[in-house]
Amino acid sequence: MATQDTQNSDLVGIYQTLCDQQDDLSAEIQKPATTQAQAQAISTEIQEIAHRIILVQNLLFTEDSGKLSALVPVITAASTDLTTAIGQIQNVNNFLATVSSFLSDVDDAIDLAKTIAAAA
């Protein structure tokens, strides 16, 4: 496995971004104005994010990579878009599209990190 003795800072950043989004969604679902449909959508996406958190945790010691570093700004921008969409949760379809885009970008990084980790 292609690993290192210290945590990969890019993966730590992605991990923290996922945790922050999960925290934001957890706070949103608890708001009194949240409807049942919104709560269901939020709950499903919290589960999706939690799955990615676990995957990234397992990859934290993957070797550094310029290709992985290049994905971080893309994920950061998608995270910013998701934060905006959470603030406008009444538009559930936009929220779902935005979280799907964010998770797709995260999945790209996870897949790359898995490939790097598997290289020996």
C-alpha atoms as a PDB file:
ATOM      1  CA  MET A   1       0.000   0.000   0.000  1.00  0.00           C
ATOM      2  CA  ALA A   2       1.204   3.486  -0.817  1.00  0.00           C
ATOM      3  CA  THR A   3       0.935   5.148   2.569  1.00  0.00           C
ATOM      4  CA  GLN A   4       2.951   7.562   4.659  1.00  0.00           C
ATOM      5  CA  ASP A   5       3.632   8.107   8.371  1.00  0.00           C
ATOM      6  CA  THR A   6       1.650  11.337   8.586  1.00  0.00           C
ATOM      7  CA  GLN A   7      -1.895  12.121   7.577  1.00  0.00           C
ATOM      8  CA  ASN A   8      -2.453  13.437   4.084  1.00  0.00           C
ATOM      9  CA  SER A   9      -3.412  17.098   4.561  1.00  0.00           C
ATOM     10  CA  ASP A  10      -5.663  17.099   1.488  1.00  0.00           C
ATOM     11  CA  LEU A  11      -7.623  14.140   2.799  1.00  0.00           C
ATOM     12  CA  VAL A  12      -7.799  15.708   6.266  1.00  0.00           C
ATOM     13  CA  GLY A  13      -9.279  18.824   4.637  1.00  0.00           C
ATOM     14  CA  ILE A  14     -11.822  16.765   2.696  1.00  0.00           C
ATOM     15  CA  TYR A  15     -12.660  14.861   5.876  1.00  0.00           C
ATOM     16  CA  GLN A  16     -13.222  18.117   7.773  1.00  0.00           C
ATOM     17  CA  THR A  17     -15.370  19.507   4.957  1.00  0.00           C
ATOM     18  CA  LEU A  18     -17.550  16.395   5.083  1.00  0.00           C
ATOM     19  CA  CYS A  19     -17.853  16.641   8.871  1.00  0.00           C
ATOM     20  CA  ASP A  20     -18.776  20.325   8.634  1.00  0.00           C
ATOM     21  CA  GLN A  21     -21.479  19.606   6.068  1.00  0.00           C
ATOM     22  CA  GLN A  22     -22.842  16.764   8.184  1.00  0.00           C
ATOM     23  CA  ASP A  23     -22.969  19.120  11.189  1.00  0.00           C
ATOM     24  CA  ASP A  24     -24.763  21.775   9.131  1.00  0.00           C
ATOM     25  CA  LEU A  25     -27.330  19.252   7.917  1.00  0.00           C
ATOM     26  CA  SER A  26     -27.827  17.925  11.449  1.00  0.00           C
ATOM     27  CA  ALA A  27     -28.534  21.458  12.640  1.00  0.00           C
ATOM     28  CA  GLU A  28     -30.891  22.090   9.716  1.00  0.00           C
ATOM     29  CA  ILE A  29     -32.987  18.986  10.341  1.00  0.00           C
ATOM     30  CA  GLN A  30     -33.623  20.151  13.923  1.00  0.00           C
ATOM     31  CA  LYS A  31     -35.074  23.535  12.963  1.00  0.00           C
ATOM     32  CA  PRO A  32     -38.765  23.851  13.804  1.00  0.00           C
ATOM     33  CA  ALA A  33     -39.576  25.088  10.273  1.00  0.00           C
ATOM     34  CA  THR A  34     -38.179  21.930   8.636  1.00  0.00           C
ATOM     35  CA  THR A  35     -40.917  20.012   6.851  1.00  0.00           C
ATOM     36  CA  GLN A  36     -41.225  16.242   6.733  1.00  0.00           C
ATOM     37  CA  ALA A  37     -40.129  16.149   3.077  1.00  0.00           C
ATOM     38  CA  GLN A  38     -37.112  18.312   3.857  1.00  0.00           C
ATOM     39  CA  ALA A  39     -36.239  16.168   6.882  1.00  0.00           C
ATOM     40  CA  GLN A  40     -36.371  13.000   4.792  1.00  0.00           C
ATOM     41  CA  ALA A  41     -34.115  14.509   2.140  1.00  0.00           C
ATOM     42  CA  ILE A  42     -31.686  15.824   4.751  1.00  0.00           C
ATOM     43  CA  SER A  43     -31.608  12.492   6.604  1.00  0.00           C
ATOM     44  CA  THR A  44     -30.794  10.578   3.435  1.00  0.00           C
ATOM     45  CA  GLU A  45     -27.989  12.966   2.554  1.00  0.00           C
ATOM     46  CA  ILE A  46     -26.575  12.843   6.098  1.00  0.00           C
ATOM     47  CA  GLN A  47     -26.249   9.080   5.616  1.00  0.00           C
ATOM     48  CA  GLU A  48     -24.509   9.588   2.267  1.00  0.00           C
ATOM     49  CA  ILE A  49     -22.054  12.054   3.781  1.00  0.00           C
ATOM     50  CA  ALA A  50     -21.415   9.777   6.773  1.00  0.00           C
ATOM     51  CA  HIS A  51     -20.495   6.983   4.368  1.00  0.00           C
ATOM     52  CA  ARG A  52     -17.913   9.243   2.702  1.00  0.00           C
ATOM     53  CA  ILE A  53     -16.543  10.280   6.103  1.00  0.00           C
ATOM     54  CA  ILE A  54     -15.815   6.640   6.898  1.00  0.00           C
ATOM     55  CA  LEU A  55     -14.176   6.067   3.519  1.00  0.00           C
ATOM     56  CA  VAL A  56     -11.918   9.099   3.915  1.00  0.00           C
ATOM     57  CA  GLN A  57     -11.021   8.094   7.497  1.00  0.00           C
ATOM     58  CA  ASN A  58      -9.693   4.834   6.104  1.00  0.00           C
ATOM     59  CA  LEU A  59      -7.520   6.703   3.592  1.00  0.00           C
ATOM     60  CA  LEU A  60      -6.046   9.468   5.781  1.00  0.00           C
ATOM     61  CA  PHE A  61      -2.490   8.095   5.552  1.00  0.00           C
ATOM     62  CA  THR A  62      -2.485   7.781   1.768  1.00  0.00           C
ATOM     63  CA  GLU A  63       0.581   9.300   0.089  1.00  0.00           C
ATOM     64  CA  ASP A  64       0.382  12.920  -1.024  1.00  0.00           C
ATOM     65  CA  SER A  65      -0.505  13.473  -4.659  1.00  0.00           C
ATOM     66  CA  GLY A  66      -0.613  16.508  -6.885  1.00  0.00           C
ATOM     67  CA  LYS A  67      -3.678  15.057  -8.592  1.00  0.00           C
ATOM     68  CA  LEU A  68      -5.455  14.780  -5.251  1.00  0.00           C
ATOM     69  CA  SER A  69      -4.411  18.304  -4.297  1.00  0.00           C
ATOM     70  CA  ALA A  70      -5.923  19.564  -7.557  1.00  0.00           C
ATOM     71  CA  LEU A  71      -9.332  18.190  -6.533  1.00  0.00           C
ATOM     72  CA  VAL A  72      -9.439  20.102  -3.240  1.00  0.00           C
ATOM     73  CA  PRO A  73     -10.461  23.493  -4.742  1.00  0.00           C
ATOM     74  CA  VAL A  74     -13.238  21.745  -6.697  1.00  0.00           C
ATOM     75  CA  ILE A  75     -14.544  20.161  -3.497  1.00  0.00           C
ATOM     76  CA  THR A  76     -14.234  23.443  -1.629  1.00  0.00           C
ATOM     77  CA  ALA A  77     -16.307  25.231  -4.276  1.00  0.00           C
ATOM     78  CA  ALA A  78     -18.914  22.453  -4.241  1.00  0.00           C
ATOM     79  CA  SER A  79     -19.023  22.656  -0.443  1.00  0.00           C
ATOM     80  CA  THR A  80     -19.672  26.394  -0.631  1.00  0.00           C
ATOM     81  CA  ASP A  81     -22.512  25.727  -3.070  1.00  0.00           C
ATOM     82  CA  LEU A  82     -23.917  23.108  -0.703  1.00  0.00           C
ATOM     83  CA  THR A  83     -23.797  25.517   2.232  1.00  0.00           C
ATOM     84  CA  THR A  84     -25.854  27.945   0.149  1.00  0.00           C
ATOM     85  CA  ALA A  85     -28.309  25.197  -0.828  1.00  0.00           C
ATOM     86  CA  ILE A  86     -28.751  24.178   2.815  1.00  0.00           C
ATOM     87  CA  GLY A  87     -29.680  27.782   3.591  1.00  0.00           C
ATOM     88  CA  GLN A  88     -32.326  27.550   0.869  1.00  0.00           C
ATOM     89  CA  ILE A  89     -33.577  24.081   1.837  1.00  0.00           C
ATOM     90  CA  GLN A  90     -37.155  24.969   0.915  1.00  0.00           C
ATOM     91  CA  ASN A  91     -36.008  24.302  -2.664  1.00  0.00           C
ATOM     92  CA  VAL A  92     -35.503  20.574  -2.068  1.00  0.00           C
ATOM     93  CA  ASN A  93     -34.750  19.753  -5.707  1.00  0.00           C
ATOM     94  CA  ASN A  94     -31.924  22.287  -5.824  1.00  0.00           C
ATOM     95  CA  PHE A  95     -30.608  20.996  -2.505  1.00  0.00           C
ATOM     96  CA  LEU A  96     -30.578  17.408  -3.797  1.00  0.00           C
ATOM     97  CA  ALA A  97     -28.842  18.398  -7.032  1.00  0.00           C
ATOM     98  CA  THR A  98     -26.241  20.407  -5.137  1.00  0.00           C
ATOM     99  CA  VAL A  99     -25.480  17.698  -2.589  1.00  0.00           C
ATOM    100  CA  SER A 100     -25.215  15.153  -5.423  1.00  0.00           C
ATOM    101  CA  SER A 101     -22.683  17.354  -7.195  1.00  0.00           C
ATOM    102  CA  PHE A 102     -20.697  17.821  -3.979  1.00  0.00           C
ATOM    103  CA  LEU A 103     -20.663  14.082  -3.283  1.00  0.00           C
ATOM    104  CA  SER A 104     -19.640  13.332  -6.861  1.00  0.00           C
ATOM    105  CA  ASP A 105     -16.604  15.595  -6.450  1.00  0.00           C
ATOM    106  CA  VAL A 106     -15.775  13.946  -3.120  1.00  0.00           C
ATOM    107  CA  ASP A 107     -16.142  10.515  -4.733  1.00  0.00           C
ATOM    108  CA  ASP A 108     -13.594  11.501  -7.375  1.00  0.00           C
ATOM    109  CA  ALA A 109     -11.089  12.275  -4.620  1.00  0.00           C
ATOM    110  CA  ILE A 110     -11.911   9.077  -2.738  1.00  0.00           C
ATOM    111  CA  ASP A 111     -11.482   6.974  -5.873  1.00  0.00           C
ATOM    112  CA  LEU A 112      -8.135   8.605  -6.610  1.00  0.00           C
ATOM    113  CA  ALA A 113      -6.958   8.124  -3.023  1.00  0.00           C
ATOM    114  CA  LYS A 114      -7.965   4.452  -3.173  1.00  0.00           C
ATOM    115  CA  THR A 115      -5.933   4.062  -6.367  1.00  0.00           C
ATOM    116  CA  ILE A 116      -2.913   5.747  -4.785  1.00  0.00           C
ATOM    117  CA  ALA A 117      -3.236   3.630  -1.633  1.00  0.00           C
ATOM    118  CA  ALA A 118      -3.422   0.427  -3.682  1.00  0.00           C
ATOM    119  CA  ALA A 119      -0.232   1.209  -5.593  1.00  0.00           C
ATOM    120  CA  ALA A 120       2.760  -0.522  -4.150  1.00  0.00           C
END
